[in-house]
């Protein structure tokens, strides 16, 4: 991949990973616009690493609390807010890990990933679902009120994100808003849920590329990881500030518009995806 393409991949992944607009749906456009093959697994791992560092840094107070609680959880104690948060995050992550493994073993993951029609429809349908959840549910709950039941429910919502174009952050925010969490705290819970999920998916991808990296590839990995981290931090900062006064509607409009464009491209025969 050229330096220009690496930068584009890093910026697209970093900006869209945590916004409710689907990074996979955006990355599918890149090969169509540049004519280059899709990024390989090593670049995927690098992008995941960069965004992971970004979300940990941005929500460091919550992460530190969860880490301190994890040590108590290991000893069988759930007697602090941190231990409860760590437990809820673990429970919320189990469904997507199990579902992801099933998709990988059965080969269904590759089948749905390569369909632009699936991605386009997911953009549109789940954008509308987000709009309805955001506009029809009250803002009565905050993140400290997160319950085990709600962690399970949001974990099940997160499974839907395995459909490319859905947006992991978008669907978990949808789940949180359906449960009545405020817009900012819905995003906060969604971002915290992303940490163990990115760790799990990144580790799975890393297993597939161990031993296949070359000296030249390491420089590409460093570029993508660094830029995606900076881009993700910028996107997180902007979104969390905007949510104090703006709903999720602008993201929904963007999703539906881009989904329609992708659907037109797919239906007119211009949507074949280059292989990596």
Protein backbone atom coordinates (compact mmCIF):
# COMPACT_ATOMS: atom_id res chain seq x y z
CA UNK A 1 0.00 0.00 0.00
CA UNK A 2 1.20 3.52 -0.76
CA UNK A 3 1.84 6.02 2.02
CA UNK A 4 -1.18 8.03 0.89
CA UNK A 5 -3.45 4.98 1.14
CA UNK A 6 -2.06 4.06 4.56
CA UNK A 7 -2.84 7.55 5.81
CA UNK A 8 -6.36 7.36 4.41
CA UNK A 9 -6.97 3.98 6.05
CA UNK A 10 -5.70 5.24 9.40
CA UNK A 11 -7.76 8.44 9.31
CA UNK A 12 -10.95 6.72 8.13
CA UNK A 13 -10.63 3.96 10.72
CA UNK A 14 -9.73 6.37 13.51
CA UNK A 15 -12.51 8.86 12.81
CA UNK A 16 -15.29 6.35 12.16
CA UNK A 17 -14.47 3.63 14.73
CA UNK A 18 -16.30 5.37 17.58
CA UNK A 19 -18.80 7.49 15.68
CA UNK A 20 -22.11 5.69 15.03
CA UNK A 21 -21.43 5.54 11.28
CA UNK A 22 -19.57 2.22 10.77
CA UNK A 23 -15.87 2.07 9.96
CA UNK A 24 -16.32 -1.06 7.80
CA UNK A 25 -18.84 0.74 5.61
CA UNK A 26 -16.38 3.54 4.97
CA UNK A 27 -13.35 1.34 4.40
CA UNK A 28 -15.20 -0.56 1.70
CA UNK A 29 -15.26 2.65 -0.34
CA UNK A 30 -11.50 3.08 -0.24
CA UNK A 31 -10.54 0.29 -2.69
CA UNK A 32 -13.26 1.50 -5.06
CA UNK A 33 -11.87 5.04 -5.04
CA UNK A 34 -8.15 4.20 -5.11
CA UNK A 35 -8.19 0.98 -7.14
CA UNK A 36 -5.87 -0.66 -4.60
CA UNK A 37 -6.57 -3.94 -2.79
CA UNK A 38 -8.27 -3.73 0.60
CA UNK A 39 -5.94 -3.40 3.57
CA UNK A 40 -4.56 -6.66 4.92
CA UNK A 41 -4.97 -8.18 8.37
CA UNK A 42 -1.77 -6.61 9.70
CA UNK A 43 -3.08 -3.13 8.90
CA UNK A 44 -6.41 -4.05 10.51
CA UNK A 45 -4.58 -5.03 13.69
CA UNK A 46 -2.60 -1.77 13.64
CA UNK A 47 -5.77 0.30 13.22
CA UNK A 48 -7.45 -1.59 16.07
CA UNK A 49 -4.42 -0.99 18.28
CA UNK A 50 -4.47 2.74 17.57
CA UNK A 51 -8.16 3.14 18.32
CA UNK A 52 -7.81 0.99 21.45
CA UNK A 53 -5.12 3.29 22.82
CA UNK A 54 -7.28 6.30 21.99
CA UNK A 55 -10.39 5.11 23.85
CA UNK A 56 -8.32 4.01 26.86
CA UNK A 57 -6.67 7.43 27.06
CA UNK A 58 -9.95 9.33 26.60
CA UNK A 59 -11.83 7.34 29.26
CA UNK A 60 -8.81 6.72 31.46
CA UNK A 61 -10.66 7.56 34.69
CA UNK A 62 -13.26 4.86 34.01
CA UNK A 63 -10.64 2.43 32.71
CA UNK A 64 -8.48 2.87 35.79
CA UNK A 65 -11.52 2.29 38.00
CA UNK A 66 -12.41 -0.88 36.09
CA UNK A 67 -8.83 -2.15 36.26
CA UNK A 68 -8.69 -1.62 40.01
CA UNK A 69 -12.04 -3.36 40.31
CA UNK A 70 -10.81 -6.25 38.17
CA UNK A 71 -8.25 -7.17 40.81
CA UNK A 72 -11.03 -7.41 43.40
CA UNK A 73 -13.21 -9.31 40.96
CA UNK A 74 -10.47 -11.91 40.50
CA UNK A 75 -10.54 -12.42 44.27
CA UNK A 76 -14.29 -13.02 44.07
CA UNK A 77 -15.30 -9.63 45.47
CA UNK A 78 -17.80 -7.29 43.81
CA UNK A 79 -17.84 -4.66 46.52
CA UNK A 80 -16.71 -1.52 44.68
CA UNK A 81 -17.98 0.51 41.76
CA UNK A 82 -14.90 -0.49 39.80
CA UNK A 83 -15.48 -4.20 40.39
CA UNK A 84 -19.10 -3.83 39.27
CA UNK A 85 -18.06 -1.95 36.14
CA UNK A 86 -15.45 -4.61 35.31
CA UNK A 87 -18.02 -7.38 35.80
CA UNK A 88 -20.61 -5.66 33.62
CA UNK A 89 -18.06 -5.07 30.85
CA UNK A 90 -17.05 -8.74 30.91
CA UNK A 91 -20.67 -9.89 30.76
CA UNK A 92 -21.48 -7.45 27.93
CA UNK A 93 -18.55 -8.78 25.88
CA UNK A 94 -19.32 -12.50 26.09
CA UNK A 95 -22.17 -12.57 23.49
CA UNK A 96 -20.15 -10.88 20.72
CA UNK A 97 -17.10 -13.09 21.35
CA UNK A 98 -19.18 -16.26 21.09
CA UNK A 99 -21.05 -15.04 18.01
CA UNK A 100 -17.83 -13.85 16.38
CA UNK A 101 -16.18 -17.24 16.88
CA UNK A 102 -19.19 -19.00 15.36
CA UNK A 103 -19.11 -16.72 12.30
CA UNK A 104 -15.37 -17.26 11.87
CA UNK A 105 -15.51 -21.05 12.22
CA UNK A 106 -18.47 -21.40 9.85
CA UNK A 107 -17.02 -19.01 7.27
CA UNK A 108 -20.11 -16.78 7.40
CA UNK A 109 -17.94 -13.82 8.44
CA UNK A 110 -16.21 -13.72 5.04
CA UNK A 111 -19.51 -14.22 3.20
CA UNK A 112 -21.29 -11.20 4.68
CA UNK A 113 -18.17 -9.03 4.80
CA UNK A 114 -17.81 -9.11 1.02
CA UNK A 115 -21.38 -8.01 0.24
CA UNK A 116 -21.79 -4.30 -0.45
CA UNK A 117 -25.57 -4.75 -0.52
CA UNK A 118 -25.47 -6.03 3.07
CA UNK A 119 -23.29 -3.10 4.13
CA UNK A 120 -25.53 -0.55 2.40
CA UNK A 121 -28.73 -1.96 3.89
CA UNK A 122 -27.13 -2.09 7.34
CA UNK A 123 -26.19 1.58 7.01
CA UNK A 124 -29.78 2.53 6.23
CA UNK A 125 -31.75 0.16 8.45
CA UNK A 126 -29.70 0.53 11.61
CA UNK A 127 -29.42 4.28 11.08
CA UNK A 128 -33.21 4.47 11.17
CA UNK A 129 -33.28 2.18 14.23
CA UNK A 130 -30.84 4.55 15.99
CA UNK A 131 -33.01 7.54 15.08
CA UNK A 132 -36.13 5.93 16.50
CA UNK A 133 -34.37 4.86 19.71
CA UNK A 134 -32.88 8.31 20.21
CA UNK A 135 -36.05 10.27 19.49
CA UNK A 136 -38.63 8.13 21.32
CA UNK A 137 -36.87 7.21 24.56
CA UNK A 138 -36.36 9.47 27.59
CA UNK A 139 -32.98 10.35 29.09
CA UNK A 140 -33.53 9.09 32.62
CA UNK A 141 -30.51 6.89 33.37
CA UNK A 142 -26.79 7.59 33.75
CA UNK A 143 -23.74 5.35 33.41
CA UNK A 144 -23.33 4.71 37.18
CA UNK A 145 -26.82 3.14 37.07
CA UNK A 146 -25.66 0.42 34.66
CA UNK A 147 -27.14 -2.91 35.79
CA UNK A 148 -26.21 -6.50 35.00
CA UNK A 149 -29.46 -6.92 33.09
CA UNK A 150 -28.70 -3.87 30.97
CA UNK A 151 -25.14 -5.13 30.37
CA UNK A 152 -26.56 -8.38 28.98
CA UNK A 153 -29.07 -6.52 26.80
CA UNK A 154 -26.42 -4.17 25.41
CA UNK A 155 -24.12 -7.15 24.88
CA UNK A 156 -26.80 -8.78 22.72
CA UNK A 157 -27.24 -5.54 20.77
CA UNK A 158 -23.48 -5.57 20.18
CA UNK A 159 -23.75 -8.96 18.45
CA UNK A 160 -25.70 -7.24 15.65
CA UNK A 161 -22.56 -5.18 14.93
CA UNK A 162 -21.01 -8.30 13.39
CA UNK A 163 -23.10 -7.40 10.33
CA UNK A 164 -20.78 -5.09 8.33
CA UNK A 165 -22.13 -1.55 8.06
CA UNK A 166 -24.05 -1.76 11.34
CA UNK A 167 -21.52 0.16 13.47
CA UNK A 168 -20.54 -1.31 16.83
CA UNK A 169 -20.80 2.05 18.56
CA UNK A 170 -24.04 2.89 16.76
CA UNK A 171 -25.84 -0.31 17.72
CA UNK A 172 -24.71 -0.27 21.37
CA UNK A 173 -25.70 3.40 21.65
CA UNK A 174 -29.06 2.38 20.18
CA UNK A 175 -29.39 -0.28 22.86
CA UNK A 176 -28.46 2.16 25.62
CA UNK A 177 -30.90 4.82 24.39
CA UNK A 178 -33.65 2.18 24.22
CA UNK A 179 -32.96 1.54 27.91
CA UNK A 180 -33.29 5.26 28.67
CA UNK A 181 -29.65 6.27 29.17
CA UNK A 182 -28.73 9.87 28.39
CA UNK A 183 -27.08 10.54 25.03
CA UNK A 184 -23.68 11.24 26.56
CA UNK A 185 -23.79 8.27 28.93
CA UNK A 186 -25.06 5.96 26.18
CA UNK A 187 -21.95 6.92 24.23
CA UNK A 188 -19.77 6.54 27.32
CA UNK A 189 -21.00 2.99 28.00
CA UNK A 190 -20.64 2.13 24.32
CA UNK A 191 -17.04 3.32 24.26
CA UNK A 192 -16.15 1.42 27.43
CA UNK A 193 -17.71 -1.72 25.92
CA UNK A 194 -15.47 -1.24 22.89
CA UNK A 195 -12.29 -1.81 24.93
CA UNK A 196 -12.67 -5.54 25.69
CA UNK A 197 -14.31 -6.05 22.28
CA UNK A 198 -11.41 -4.46 20.40
CA UNK A 199 -8.97 -6.42 22.56
CA UNK A 200 -10.74 -9.67 21.69
CA UNK A 201 -11.12 -8.99 17.96
CA UNK A 202 -7.62 -7.52 17.67
CA UNK A 203 -6.10 -10.55 19.40
CA UNK A 204 -7.99 -12.87 17.04
CA UNK A 205 -6.72 -10.95 14.01
CA UNK A 206 -3.19 -10.88 15.42
CA UNK A 207 -3.14 -14.68 15.61
CA UNK A 208 -3.71 -14.79 11.85
CA UNK A 209 -0.77 -12.51 11.02
CA UNK A 210 1.88 -13.70 13.49
CA UNK A 211 4.94 -14.74 11.52
CA UNK A 212 3.73 -13.11 8.29
CA UNK A 213 5.04 -9.62 8.97
CA UNK A 214 8.09 -8.26 7.17
CA UNK A 215 10.50 -5.47 8.19
CA UNK A 216 8.86 -3.11 5.69
CA UNK A 217 5.42 -3.89 7.02
CA UNK A 218 6.34 -2.77 10.52
CA UNK A 219 6.74 0.83 9.37
CA UNK A 220 3.28 0.67 7.79
CA UNK A 221 1.88 -0.72 11.04
CA UNK A 222 3.46 2.12 13.05
CA UNK A 223 2.03 4.77 10.70
CA UNK A 224 -1.49 3.34 10.79
CA UNK A 225 -1.49 2.76 14.55
CA UNK A 226 -0.25 6.26 15.35
CA UNK A 227 -2.52 8.14 12.96
CA UNK A 228 -5.61 6.10 13.83
CA UNK A 229 -4.99 6.84 17.51
CA UNK A 230 -4.78 10.61 16.90
CA UNK A 231 -7.83 10.57 14.61
CA UNK A 232 -9.86 8.54 17.09
CA UNK A 233 -9.01 10.90 19.95
CA UNK A 234 -10.12 13.87 17.86
CA UNK A 235 -13.37 12.16 16.86
CA UNK A 236 -14.15 11.13 20.44
CA UNK A 237 -13.52 14.62 21.75
CA UNK A 238 -15.75 16.22 19.14
CA UNK A 239 -18.59 13.72 19.50
CA UNK A 240 -18.74 13.85 23.30
CA UNK A 241 -18.81 17.65 23.21
CA UNK A 242 -21.51 17.80 20.55
CA UNK A 243 -23.73 15.31 22.39
CA UNK A 244 -24.23 17.86 25.16
CA UNK A 245 -26.43 19.86 22.81
CA UNK A 246 -27.01 17.80 19.64
CA UNK A 247 -28.91 14.54 19.11
CA UNK A 248 -27.75 11.60 16.98
CA UNK A 249 -29.87 12.76 14.03
CA UNK A 250 -26.95 14.21 11.98
CA UNK A 251 -25.22 10.81 12.10
CA UNK A 252 -28.46 9.12 11.02
CA UNK A 253 -28.89 11.43 8.03
CA UNK A 254 -25.28 10.77 7.02
CA UNK A 255 -25.73 6.98 7.40
CA UNK A 256 -28.89 6.85 5.29
CA UNK A 257 -27.39 9.06 2.57
CA UNK A 258 -24.16 7.05 2.34
CA UNK A 259 -26.09 3.78 2.51
CA UNK A 260 -28.22 4.88 -0.44
CA UNK A 261 -25.08 5.74 -2.42
CA UNK A 262 -23.53 2.35 -1.66
CA UNK A 263 -26.75 0.60 -2.63
CA UNK A 264 -26.85 2.42 -5.97
CA UNK A 265 -23.22 1.49 -6.62
CA UNK A 266 -23.92 -2.15 -5.79
CA UNK A 267 -27.08 -2.31 -7.90
CA UNK A 268 -25.38 -0.75 -10.94
CA UNK A 269 -22.59 -3.29 -10.90
CA UNK A 270 -19.89 -1.02 -9.55
CA UNK A 271 -19.74 -2.55 -6.12
CA UNK A 272 -17.41 -5.51 -6.48
CA UNK A 273 -14.91 -5.43 -3.64
CA UNK A 274 -11.21 -5.85 -4.43
CA UNK A 275 -9.62 -8.67 -2.45
CA UNK A 276 -6.92 -7.98 0.09
